[in-house]
Each structure stands twice: as C-alpha cells, then as structure tokens.
N, C-alpha and C. Protein backbone atom coordinates (compact mmCIF):
# COMPACT_ATOMS: atom_id res chain seq x y z
N MET A 1 40.94 0.81 -14.12
CA MET A 1 40.62 2.13 -14.59
C MET A 1 41.52 3.17 -13.92
N ALA A 2 41.97 2.91 -12.71
CA ALA A 2 42.81 3.86 -11.99
C ALA A 2 44.12 4.10 -12.74
N ARG A 3 44.55 3.12 -13.52
CA ARG A 3 45.80 3.28 -14.25
C ARG A 3 45.69 4.33 -15.35
N HIS A 4 44.48 4.74 -15.71
CA HIS A 4 44.28 5.71 -16.78
C HIS A 4 44.00 7.12 -16.28
N THR A 5 43.79 7.29 -14.99
CA THR A 5 43.31 8.58 -14.50
C THR A 5 44.30 9.72 -14.73
N HIS A 6 45.56 9.45 -14.86
CA HIS A 6 46.55 10.50 -15.07
C HIS A 6 46.95 10.65 -16.54
N SER A 7 46.33 9.88 -17.41
CA SER A 7 46.64 9.96 -18.83
C SER A 7 45.96 11.17 -19.45
N SER A 8 46.58 11.74 -20.48
CA SER A 8 45.97 12.86 -21.20
C SER A 8 44.82 12.32 -22.05
N ASP A 9 43.98 13.22 -22.51
CA ASP A 9 42.87 12.82 -23.38
C ASP A 9 43.40 12.14 -24.63
N GLY A 10 44.46 12.69 -25.21
CA GLY A 10 45.05 12.11 -26.42
C GLY A 10 45.54 10.69 -26.19
N GLU A 11 46.18 10.47 -25.04
CA GLU A 11 46.65 9.12 -24.71
C GLU A 11 45.48 8.16 -24.53
N LEU A 12 44.41 8.66 -23.90
CA LEU A 12 43.23 7.81 -23.70
C LEU A 12 42.55 7.48 -25.02
N VAL A 13 42.53 8.42 -25.94
CA VAL A 13 41.97 8.15 -27.27
C VAL A 13 42.79 7.07 -27.96
N THR A 14 44.10 7.21 -27.91
CA THR A 14 44.99 6.22 -28.54
C THR A 14 44.78 4.84 -27.92
N LYS A 15 44.67 4.78 -26.58
CA LYS A 15 44.45 3.50 -25.90
C LYS A 15 43.08 2.91 -26.26
N THR A 16 42.07 3.77 -26.39
CA THR A 16 40.74 3.29 -26.77
C THR A 16 40.77 2.69 -28.16
N LEU A 17 41.45 3.38 -29.07
CA LEU A 17 41.55 2.88 -30.44
C LEU A 17 42.31 1.56 -30.51
N ALA A 18 43.17 1.33 -29.52
CA ALA A 18 43.93 0.08 -29.45
C ALA A 18 43.11 -1.03 -28.78
N GLY A 19 41.86 -0.71 -28.39
CA GLY A 19 40.99 -1.75 -27.83
C GLY A 19 40.79 -1.68 -26.33
N ASP A 20 41.30 -0.65 -25.67
CA ASP A 20 41.18 -0.52 -24.22
C ASP A 20 39.91 0.27 -23.88
N ASP A 21 38.81 -0.43 -23.64
CA ASP A 21 37.53 0.23 -23.35
C ASP A 21 37.55 0.97 -22.01
N ALA A 22 38.40 0.55 -21.08
CA ALA A 22 38.51 1.25 -19.80
C ALA A 22 39.01 2.68 -20.02
N ALA A 23 39.83 2.88 -21.02
CA ALA A 23 40.33 4.23 -21.33
C ALA A 23 39.17 5.12 -21.77
N PHE A 24 38.25 4.58 -22.56
CA PHE A 24 37.11 5.38 -23.00
C PHE A 24 36.20 5.70 -21.82
N ARG A 25 36.04 4.78 -20.89
CA ARG A 25 35.23 5.04 -19.70
C ARG A 25 35.79 6.23 -18.91
N VAL A 26 37.11 6.34 -18.85
CA VAL A 26 37.73 7.48 -18.17
C VAL A 26 37.41 8.78 -18.92
N LEU A 27 37.46 8.73 -20.24
CA LEU A 27 37.10 9.91 -21.04
C LEU A 27 35.65 10.32 -20.77
N VAL A 28 34.77 9.35 -20.72
CA VAL A 28 33.35 9.64 -20.47
C VAL A 28 33.20 10.28 -19.08
N GLU A 29 33.83 9.69 -18.07
CA GLU A 29 33.74 10.24 -16.72
C GLU A 29 34.32 11.65 -16.66
N ARG A 30 35.39 11.88 -17.37
CA ARG A 30 36.08 13.17 -17.36
C ARG A 30 35.25 14.26 -18.03
N HIS A 31 34.50 13.91 -19.06
CA HIS A 31 33.81 14.92 -19.87
C HIS A 31 32.28 14.86 -19.79
N THR A 32 31.73 14.03 -18.94
CA THR A 32 30.27 13.91 -18.84
C THR A 32 29.62 15.25 -18.51
N GLY A 33 30.19 15.97 -17.57
CA GLY A 33 29.60 17.25 -17.15
C GLY A 33 29.46 18.23 -18.29
N VAL A 34 30.52 18.43 -19.04
CA VAL A 34 30.50 19.42 -20.12
C VAL A 34 29.59 18.97 -21.26
N VAL A 35 29.57 17.69 -21.56
CA VAL A 35 28.70 17.18 -22.63
C VAL A 35 27.23 17.29 -22.21
N PHE A 36 26.93 16.90 -20.98
CA PHE A 36 25.55 17.02 -20.49
C PHE A 36 25.11 18.47 -20.47
N ASN A 37 25.95 19.37 -19.95
CA ASN A 37 25.59 20.79 -19.87
C ASN A 37 25.37 21.40 -21.24
N THR A 38 26.17 21.02 -22.21
CA THR A 38 25.98 21.52 -23.57
C THR A 38 24.60 21.10 -24.09
N ALA A 39 24.27 19.84 -23.92
CA ALA A 39 22.97 19.34 -24.38
C ALA A 39 21.83 19.98 -23.58
N TYR A 40 22.00 20.12 -22.28
CA TYR A 40 20.94 20.67 -21.43
C TYR A 40 20.64 22.12 -21.80
N ARG A 41 21.66 22.90 -22.02
CA ARG A 41 21.44 24.30 -22.33
C ARG A 41 20.78 24.49 -23.70
N LEU A 42 20.93 23.52 -24.56
CA LEU A 42 20.27 23.60 -25.87
C LEU A 42 18.86 23.02 -25.83
N LEU A 43 18.66 21.97 -25.04
CA LEU A 43 17.37 21.29 -25.02
C LEU A 43 16.45 21.77 -23.90
N GLY A 44 17.03 22.24 -22.80
CA GLY A 44 16.23 22.77 -21.70
C GLY A 44 15.50 21.73 -20.87
N ASN A 45 15.89 20.47 -21.00
CA ASN A 45 15.22 19.40 -20.27
C ASN A 45 16.28 18.37 -19.86
N ARG A 46 16.31 18.03 -18.58
CA ARG A 46 17.35 17.13 -18.06
C ARG A 46 17.29 15.73 -18.69
N ALA A 47 16.10 15.18 -18.82
CA ALA A 47 15.97 13.83 -19.38
C ALA A 47 16.44 13.81 -20.83
N ASP A 48 16.02 14.80 -21.61
CA ASP A 48 16.44 14.88 -23.01
C ASP A 48 17.95 15.09 -23.10
N ALA A 49 18.48 15.92 -22.19
CA ALA A 49 19.92 16.19 -22.20
C ALA A 49 20.72 14.94 -21.84
N ALA A 50 20.23 14.16 -20.89
CA ALA A 50 20.92 12.92 -20.52
C ALA A 50 20.94 11.95 -21.71
N ASP A 51 19.81 11.84 -22.40
CA ASP A 51 19.75 10.98 -23.59
C ASP A 51 20.69 11.49 -24.68
N ALA A 52 20.69 12.80 -24.89
CA ALA A 52 21.55 13.39 -25.91
C ALA A 52 23.03 13.20 -25.56
N ALA A 53 23.37 13.34 -24.29
CA ALA A 53 24.76 13.15 -23.87
C ALA A 53 25.21 11.71 -24.11
N GLN A 54 24.34 10.77 -23.77
CA GLN A 54 24.66 9.37 -24.00
C GLN A 54 24.84 9.10 -25.50
N ASP A 55 23.95 9.65 -26.29
CA ASP A 55 24.04 9.51 -27.74
C ASP A 55 25.32 10.16 -28.27
N ALA A 56 25.69 11.31 -27.71
CA ALA A 56 26.90 12.01 -28.15
C ALA A 56 28.15 11.17 -27.86
N PHE A 57 28.21 10.55 -26.68
CA PHE A 57 29.36 9.71 -26.36
C PHE A 57 29.40 8.47 -27.26
N LEU A 58 28.24 7.92 -27.57
CA LEU A 58 28.19 6.78 -28.47
C LEU A 58 28.71 7.16 -29.86
N ARG A 59 28.27 8.31 -30.35
CA ARG A 59 28.74 8.80 -31.65
C ARG A 59 30.24 9.09 -31.61
N ALA A 60 30.69 9.68 -30.52
CA ALA A 60 32.12 9.98 -30.38
C ALA A 60 32.93 8.68 -30.40
N TYR A 61 32.45 7.67 -29.72
CA TYR A 61 33.16 6.38 -29.68
C TYR A 61 33.30 5.81 -31.09
N HIS A 62 32.21 5.87 -31.86
CA HIS A 62 32.25 5.32 -33.22
C HIS A 62 33.06 6.17 -34.19
N ALA A 63 33.24 7.44 -33.86
CA ALA A 63 33.99 8.34 -34.75
C ALA A 63 35.39 8.65 -34.20
N LEU A 64 35.80 7.94 -33.17
CA LEU A 64 37.07 8.23 -32.51
C LEU A 64 38.26 8.14 -33.45
N ASP A 65 38.16 7.30 -34.46
CA ASP A 65 39.27 7.17 -35.41
C ASP A 65 39.44 8.42 -36.28
N THR A 66 38.44 9.32 -36.27
CA THR A 66 38.55 10.57 -37.03
C THR A 66 39.13 11.70 -36.18
N PHE A 67 39.26 11.47 -34.88
CA PHE A 67 39.79 12.49 -33.97
C PHE A 67 41.31 12.48 -33.99
N ARG A 68 41.90 13.67 -34.00
CA ARG A 68 43.36 13.80 -33.93
C ARG A 68 43.78 13.83 -32.47
N PRO A 69 44.53 12.85 -31.98
CA PRO A 69 44.90 12.79 -30.57
C PRO A 69 45.69 14.00 -30.07
N ASP A 70 46.29 14.79 -30.97
CA ASP A 70 47.02 15.97 -30.54
C ASP A 70 46.11 17.19 -30.39
N ALA A 71 44.84 17.09 -30.81
CA ALA A 71 43.87 18.19 -30.71
C ALA A 71 43.14 18.10 -29.37
N PRO A 72 42.57 19.23 -28.90
CA PRO A 72 41.80 19.16 -27.65
C PRO A 72 40.49 18.38 -27.86
N LEU A 73 40.19 17.52 -26.93
CA LEU A 73 39.01 16.65 -27.04
C LEU A 73 37.72 17.38 -26.67
N ARG A 74 37.77 18.24 -25.68
CA ARG A 74 36.56 18.90 -25.19
C ARG A 74 35.77 19.61 -26.28
N PRO A 75 36.38 20.47 -27.12
CA PRO A 75 35.59 21.12 -28.17
C PRO A 75 34.97 20.12 -29.15
N TRP A 76 35.69 19.04 -29.44
CA TRP A 76 35.20 18.02 -30.35
C TRP A 76 33.96 17.35 -29.76
N LEU A 77 34.03 17.00 -28.47
CA LEU A 77 32.88 16.38 -27.81
C LEU A 77 31.70 17.35 -27.72
N CYS A 78 31.98 18.61 -27.43
CA CYS A 78 30.90 19.61 -27.35
C CYS A 78 30.24 19.81 -28.70
N ARG A 79 31.03 19.76 -29.74
CA ARG A 79 30.45 19.89 -31.08
C ARG A 79 29.51 18.72 -31.37
N ILE A 80 29.94 17.52 -31.02
CA ILE A 80 29.08 16.35 -31.21
C ILE A 80 27.81 16.49 -30.38
N ALA A 81 27.96 16.89 -29.11
CA ALA A 81 26.79 17.05 -28.23
C ALA A 81 25.85 18.12 -28.78
N ALA A 82 26.41 19.22 -29.25
CA ALA A 82 25.57 20.29 -29.82
C ALA A 82 24.84 19.79 -31.06
N ASN A 83 25.52 19.05 -31.91
CA ASN A 83 24.88 18.52 -33.12
C ASN A 83 23.76 17.55 -32.77
N VAL A 84 24.00 16.68 -31.79
CA VAL A 84 22.97 15.74 -31.36
C VAL A 84 21.76 16.51 -30.83
N ALA A 85 22.02 17.51 -29.98
CA ALA A 85 20.93 18.30 -29.40
C ALA A 85 20.17 19.06 -30.48
N LEU A 86 20.89 19.65 -31.41
CA LEU A 86 20.23 20.40 -32.49
C LEU A 86 19.39 19.47 -33.36
N ASN A 87 19.89 18.27 -33.63
CA ASN A 87 19.09 17.30 -34.39
C ASN A 87 17.82 16.94 -33.66
N ARG A 88 17.91 16.79 -32.34
CA ARG A 88 16.71 16.49 -31.54
C ARG A 88 15.73 17.66 -31.58
N LEU A 89 16.25 18.88 -31.54
CA LEU A 89 15.38 20.05 -31.61
C LEU A 89 14.65 20.12 -32.95
N ARG A 90 15.34 19.78 -34.02
CA ARG A 90 14.71 19.80 -35.34
C ARG A 90 13.59 18.78 -35.45
N ARG A 91 13.76 17.64 -34.77
CA ARG A 91 12.75 16.58 -34.84
C ARG A 91 11.59 16.82 -33.88
N ARG A 92 11.80 17.69 -32.90
CA ARG A 92 10.78 17.95 -31.89
C ARG A 92 9.55 18.59 -32.50
N LYS A 93 8.42 18.12 -32.05
CA LYS A 93 7.15 18.72 -32.44
C LYS A 93 6.85 19.83 -31.42
N PRO A 94 6.37 20.98 -31.89
CA PRO A 94 6.01 22.03 -30.93
C PRO A 94 4.91 21.55 -30.00
N THR A 95 5.05 21.85 -28.72
CA THR A 95 4.05 21.44 -27.74
C THR A 95 3.59 22.66 -26.96
N VAL A 96 2.39 22.58 -26.45
CA VAL A 96 1.84 23.64 -25.62
C VAL A 96 1.57 23.06 -24.25
N SER A 97 2.04 23.75 -23.22
CA SER A 97 1.82 23.30 -21.86
C SER A 97 0.44 23.75 -21.40
N LEU A 98 -0.32 22.83 -20.83
CA LEU A 98 -1.66 23.16 -20.36
C LEU A 98 -1.64 23.94 -19.06
N ASP A 99 -0.56 23.82 -18.30
CA ASP A 99 -0.51 24.54 -17.03
C ASP A 99 0.21 25.88 -17.13
N GLY A 100 0.61 26.27 -18.34
CA GLY A 100 1.23 27.57 -18.55
C GLY A 100 2.70 27.63 -18.20
N ASP A 101 3.28 26.53 -17.76
CA ASP A 101 4.69 26.52 -17.38
C ASP A 101 5.47 25.80 -18.46
N SER A 102 6.18 26.55 -19.31
CA SER A 102 6.93 25.94 -20.40
C SER A 102 8.35 25.62 -20.01
N SER A 103 8.76 25.99 -18.80
CA SER A 103 10.15 25.78 -18.41
C SER A 103 10.42 24.37 -17.93
N GLY A 104 9.42 23.64 -17.50
CA GLY A 104 9.62 22.29 -17.00
C GLY A 104 10.02 22.33 -15.54
N ALA A 105 9.61 21.34 -14.78
CA ALA A 105 9.86 21.32 -13.35
C ALA A 105 11.34 21.23 -13.02
N ASP A 106 12.12 20.62 -13.90
CA ASP A 106 13.53 20.43 -13.58
C ASP A 106 14.39 21.63 -13.94
N SER A 107 13.84 22.70 -14.50
CA SER A 107 14.65 23.84 -14.87
C SER A 107 14.43 25.05 -13.96
N VAL A 108 13.67 24.88 -12.91
CA VAL A 108 13.42 25.98 -11.98
C VAL A 108 14.55 26.05 -10.98
N ALA A 109 15.16 27.23 -10.85
CA ALA A 109 16.25 27.41 -9.89
C ALA A 109 15.67 27.48 -8.49
N VAL A 110 16.31 26.78 -7.56
CA VAL A 110 15.88 26.79 -6.17
C VAL A 110 16.65 27.89 -5.45
N PRO A 111 15.95 28.87 -4.87
CA PRO A 111 16.65 29.96 -4.21
C PRO A 111 17.38 29.47 -2.95
N ASP A 112 18.44 30.18 -2.60
CA ASP A 112 19.22 29.89 -1.40
C ASP A 112 18.48 30.49 -0.21
N VAL A 113 17.86 29.64 0.61
CA VAL A 113 17.06 30.14 1.72
C VAL A 113 17.91 30.67 2.86
N SER A 114 19.19 30.36 2.88
CA SER A 114 20.05 30.88 3.94
C SER A 114 20.41 32.34 3.69
N ALA A 115 20.29 32.80 2.46
CA ALA A 115 20.58 34.19 2.11
C ALA A 115 19.34 35.03 2.37
N GLU A 116 19.46 36.29 2.15
CA GLU A 116 18.33 37.19 2.28
C GLU A 116 17.22 36.71 1.35
N PRO A 117 16.06 36.33 1.88
CA PRO A 117 15.02 35.70 1.07
C PRO A 117 14.58 36.50 -0.15
N GLN A 118 14.39 37.78 -0.02
CA GLN A 118 13.92 38.57 -1.16
C GLN A 118 14.97 38.59 -2.27
N ARG A 119 16.22 38.74 -1.92
CA ARG A 119 17.30 38.76 -2.91
C ARG A 119 17.40 37.40 -3.61
N ALA A 120 17.26 36.33 -2.84
CA ALA A 120 17.33 34.99 -3.42
C ALA A 120 16.19 34.75 -4.41
N VAL A 121 14.99 35.21 -4.06
CA VAL A 121 13.84 35.04 -4.94
C VAL A 121 14.04 35.85 -6.22
N LEU A 122 14.53 37.07 -6.11
CA LEU A 122 14.78 37.90 -7.28
C LEU A 122 15.84 37.28 -8.19
N ARG A 123 16.89 36.74 -7.58
CA ARG A 123 17.95 36.10 -8.36
C ARG A 123 17.42 34.86 -9.08
N ALA A 124 16.60 34.08 -8.39
CA ALA A 124 16.02 32.88 -9.01
C ALA A 124 15.10 33.27 -10.17
N GLU A 125 14.34 34.34 -9.99
CA GLU A 125 13.45 34.81 -11.06
C GLU A 125 14.26 35.30 -12.26
N ARG A 126 15.34 36.03 -11.99
CA ARG A 126 16.20 36.52 -13.07
C ARG A 126 16.84 35.35 -13.82
N ASP A 127 17.29 34.34 -13.08
CA ASP A 127 17.87 33.16 -13.70
C ASP A 127 16.85 32.43 -14.57
N ARG A 128 15.62 32.33 -14.09
CA ARG A 128 14.56 31.67 -14.84
C ARG A 128 14.26 32.45 -16.13
N GLU A 129 14.20 33.77 -16.03
CA GLU A 129 13.94 34.60 -17.20
C GLU A 129 15.07 34.48 -18.23
N LEU A 130 16.32 34.46 -17.74
CA LEU A 130 17.45 34.32 -18.65
C LEU A 130 17.42 32.96 -19.33
N ARG A 131 17.14 31.90 -18.58
CA ARG A 131 17.06 30.55 -19.15
C ARG A 131 15.96 30.50 -20.22
N ALA A 132 14.80 31.08 -19.92
CA ALA A 132 13.70 31.10 -20.88
C ALA A 132 14.08 31.89 -22.13
N ALA A 133 14.77 33.01 -21.94
CA ALA A 133 15.19 33.82 -23.08
C ALA A 133 16.20 33.07 -23.95
N ILE A 134 17.12 32.38 -23.33
CA ILE A 134 18.11 31.60 -24.09
C ILE A 134 17.41 30.49 -24.86
N LEU A 135 16.45 29.83 -24.24
CA LEU A 135 15.72 28.77 -24.92
C LEU A 135 14.86 29.32 -26.06
N ALA A 136 14.53 30.62 -26.03
CA ALA A 136 13.75 31.23 -27.10
C ALA A 136 14.61 31.59 -28.31
N LEU A 137 15.93 31.57 -28.15
CA LEU A 137 16.83 31.86 -29.27
C LEU A 137 16.77 30.73 -30.30
N PRO A 138 17.05 31.04 -31.55
CA PRO A 138 17.19 29.97 -32.55
C PRO A 138 18.34 29.04 -32.13
N PRO A 139 18.28 27.77 -32.48
CA PRO A 139 19.29 26.80 -32.03
C PRO A 139 20.74 27.20 -32.31
N ASP A 140 21.02 27.79 -33.48
CA ASP A 140 22.41 28.15 -33.77
C ASP A 140 22.90 29.27 -32.84
N GLN A 141 22.02 30.22 -32.51
CA GLN A 141 22.41 31.28 -31.58
C GLN A 141 22.53 30.75 -30.16
N ARG A 142 21.65 29.84 -29.79
CA ARG A 142 21.71 29.21 -28.47
C ARG A 142 23.03 28.47 -28.31
N THR A 143 23.47 27.79 -29.36
CA THR A 143 24.72 27.04 -29.32
C THR A 143 25.90 27.95 -29.08
N ILE A 144 25.96 29.06 -29.79
CA ILE A 144 27.11 29.94 -29.67
C ILE A 144 27.14 30.63 -28.30
N ILE A 145 25.97 30.99 -27.75
CA ILE A 145 25.89 31.55 -26.39
C ILE A 145 26.36 30.51 -25.38
N GLU A 146 25.90 29.28 -25.56
CA GLU A 146 26.30 28.18 -24.66
C GLU A 146 27.80 27.99 -24.65
N LEU A 147 28.40 27.89 -25.82
CA LEU A 147 29.84 27.62 -25.90
C LEU A 147 30.67 28.77 -25.34
N ARG A 148 30.27 30.00 -25.61
CA ARG A 148 31.06 31.16 -25.17
C ARG A 148 30.86 31.48 -23.69
N HIS A 149 29.62 31.53 -23.24
CA HIS A 149 29.35 32.03 -21.90
C HIS A 149 29.21 30.96 -20.83
N PHE A 150 28.81 29.77 -21.19
CA PHE A 150 28.65 28.73 -20.19
C PHE A 150 29.81 27.74 -20.20
N GLN A 151 30.33 27.42 -21.39
CA GLN A 151 31.47 26.51 -21.48
C GLN A 151 32.79 27.28 -21.52
N GLU A 152 32.70 28.61 -21.66
CA GLU A 152 33.85 29.51 -21.66
C GLU A 152 34.88 29.17 -22.74
N PHE A 153 34.38 28.82 -23.92
CA PHE A 153 35.26 28.55 -25.05
C PHE A 153 35.81 29.87 -25.59
N SER A 154 37.02 29.84 -26.09
CA SER A 154 37.59 30.99 -26.78
C SER A 154 36.95 31.06 -28.17
N TYR A 155 37.17 32.20 -28.86
CA TYR A 155 36.65 32.32 -30.23
C TYR A 155 37.23 31.23 -31.12
N ALA A 156 38.52 30.94 -30.93
CA ALA A 156 39.17 29.90 -31.74
C ALA A 156 38.56 28.53 -31.48
N GLN A 157 38.27 28.23 -30.21
CA GLN A 157 37.67 26.94 -29.88
C GLN A 157 36.26 26.83 -30.45
N ILE A 158 35.50 27.92 -30.39
CA ILE A 158 34.15 27.90 -30.96
C ILE A 158 34.24 27.70 -32.47
N ALA A 159 35.17 28.41 -33.11
CA ALA A 159 35.34 28.28 -34.56
C ALA A 159 35.65 26.83 -34.92
N ALA A 160 36.54 26.20 -34.15
CA ALA A 160 36.90 24.81 -34.42
C ALA A 160 35.70 23.88 -34.16
N ALA A 161 34.98 24.13 -33.08
CA ALA A 161 33.84 23.27 -32.73
C ALA A 161 32.71 23.36 -33.74
N LEU A 162 32.49 24.56 -34.29
CA LEU A 162 31.38 24.75 -35.22
C LEU A 162 31.82 24.74 -36.68
N ASP A 163 33.12 24.61 -36.90
CA ASP A 163 33.69 24.57 -38.24
C ASP A 163 33.34 25.84 -39.03
N ILE A 164 33.57 26.99 -38.38
CA ILE A 164 33.38 28.29 -39.01
C ILE A 164 34.58 29.16 -38.67
N SER A 165 34.71 30.31 -39.32
CA SER A 165 35.84 31.20 -39.07
C SER A 165 35.63 31.95 -37.75
N GLU A 166 36.73 32.45 -37.17
CA GLU A 166 36.63 33.24 -35.95
C GLU A 166 35.82 34.50 -36.19
N ALA A 167 35.98 35.11 -37.36
CA ALA A 167 35.20 36.31 -37.68
C ALA A 167 33.71 35.99 -37.69
N ASN A 168 33.36 34.83 -38.23
CA ASN A 168 31.96 34.41 -38.26
C ASN A 168 31.45 34.14 -36.83
N VAL A 169 32.32 33.61 -35.97
CA VAL A 169 31.95 33.39 -34.57
C VAL A 169 31.58 34.73 -33.94
N LYS A 170 32.41 35.75 -34.16
CA LYS A 170 32.16 37.06 -33.56
C LYS A 170 30.85 37.67 -34.07
N VAL A 171 30.59 37.53 -35.35
CA VAL A 171 29.35 38.06 -35.92
C VAL A 171 28.15 37.32 -35.33
N LYS A 172 28.22 35.99 -35.32
CA LYS A 172 27.10 35.20 -34.79
C LYS A 172 26.88 35.47 -33.30
N LEU A 173 27.96 35.63 -32.55
CA LEU A 173 27.84 35.91 -31.12
C LEU A 173 27.22 37.29 -30.90
N TYR A 174 27.63 38.27 -31.70
CA TYR A 174 27.05 39.61 -31.60
C TYR A 174 25.54 39.55 -31.86
N ARG A 175 25.16 38.85 -32.90
CA ARG A 175 23.74 38.75 -33.26
C ARG A 175 22.95 37.99 -32.18
N ALA A 176 23.55 36.95 -31.63
CA ALA A 176 22.88 36.17 -30.59
C ALA A 176 22.69 37.03 -29.33
N ARG A 177 23.71 37.78 -28.95
CA ARG A 177 23.58 38.65 -27.78
C ARG A 177 22.53 39.73 -28.01
N ARG A 178 22.51 40.31 -29.23
CA ARG A 178 21.53 41.33 -29.56
C ARG A 178 20.11 40.76 -29.47
N LYS A 179 19.92 39.58 -30.03
CA LYS A 179 18.61 38.92 -30.00
C LYS A 179 18.20 38.60 -28.55
N LEU A 180 19.15 38.13 -27.76
CA LEU A 180 18.89 37.81 -26.35
C LEU A 180 18.48 39.09 -25.60
N ARG A 181 19.18 40.18 -25.86
CA ARG A 181 18.85 41.47 -25.24
C ARG A 181 17.42 41.89 -25.62
N GLN A 182 17.07 41.72 -26.90
CA GLN A 182 15.72 42.08 -27.36
C GLN A 182 14.66 41.25 -26.65
N ILE A 183 14.92 39.97 -26.51
CA ILE A 183 13.96 39.08 -25.84
C ILE A 183 13.78 39.50 -24.39
N LEU A 184 14.89 39.78 -23.71
CA LEU A 184 14.82 40.17 -22.29
C LEU A 184 14.13 41.52 -22.12
N GLN A 185 14.40 42.46 -23.04
CA GLN A 185 13.74 43.76 -22.97
C GLN A 185 12.24 43.63 -23.22
N LYS A 186 11.88 42.78 -24.17
CA LYS A 186 10.47 42.56 -24.48
C LYS A 186 9.75 41.97 -23.26
N GLU A 187 10.41 41.02 -22.59
CA GLU A 187 9.84 40.41 -21.38
C GLU A 187 9.71 41.44 -20.25
N ALA A 188 10.67 42.36 -20.14
CA ALA A 188 10.63 43.37 -19.09
C ALA A 188 9.50 44.37 -19.32
N ASN A 189 9.15 44.58 -20.58
CA ASN A 189 8.10 45.54 -20.91
C ASN A 189 6.70 44.95 -20.84
N VAL A 190 6.60 43.64 -20.71
CA VAL A 190 5.28 42.99 -20.67
C VAL A 190 4.64 43.15 -19.32
C-alpha cells in the first residue's frame, strides 16, 4: 500500500479499475474524513454517519468506472455520501426522545476546560444550538450549507457535486442561510 501513497486520486482510480484493490484502500483512507463528515452533518448521528460513509464508499467502488480520472474525486465522493445520507433521512421514521434531548449523546460539544470556563460553556452552547439549527433545515438546504461552510467547496464544486448550475447554488445557499438565520432567531426569542 505504501507504493500508492504518492499517487494522485486519478492514478489510484485507474489502478483500482485495473484490479488493484490496494489502490482503492488508499483512496478510502485519504477521503474517509470528508465522506464521514458529510454524512455526519446531514444525519447528526455518528453511528448512522459511519454506516452511510461505508455505504458511500461501497457505491463509489461499484460506480468507479463512471468516474473521470481527470476530474476531482472529493466532490464526487461527497455527492455520493450526501445522496446516501439523504436517502437514509427519507427512510427515517420521525422519533420523539423521552428525555427531551434530541441531539444525541455523541453530538454534544465538550468545552475546553483549560480555557476560561464561562467562555467555553457559552461556546459549547452556541455550537450545540448551531448544530441543532442545521439539523432542523430541510435536507437539501443542510447539504448545501455542509458543502459550502464545512467542506469549503467553491460554488463550481457544489454545482458539480449536486448537478445544478452555479446560479442555482447561490440561490439555494442564500435561502438556506436565510432559513438558518430564522431558526436561530426563533430559538433566541424562546
């Protein structure tokens, strides 16, 4: 596997298609973080995100012959991960938490105790509120916020990943930000 670590994504795709499974393992190791994070930010649960990431890599492996080796791999993988996560969200049955905590134990930010305690607690609370607000967005808006602000995709990369025009990306991002602002303002007024 060490022989592949300096290969480009396109070279690794070509080697995988030629039957070199070690090349695909390098791709998985290289992109696991971004694929998992894409799924996690859409699903809001680590276990579900891990399953979705695994499923996304499996789908990518089976569809690798449709990928253009000269194109960037990361947006393609993120699109697959987002689609897998969105499909899981559509199949999910709404649930109600009996303990009143809908965020899940694994999504609570742990404050930095070495910093000023009050500031750390406020920052953790703000992060929790933002995470909850993002999870309250419709899946398509959550996806576009994830790709732009957390994965730092350009408008062109988002357009390619979602198969929409750049103008449509800007409109959808504007609407998602506006909706997110409304949710946060509503929470602040409660």
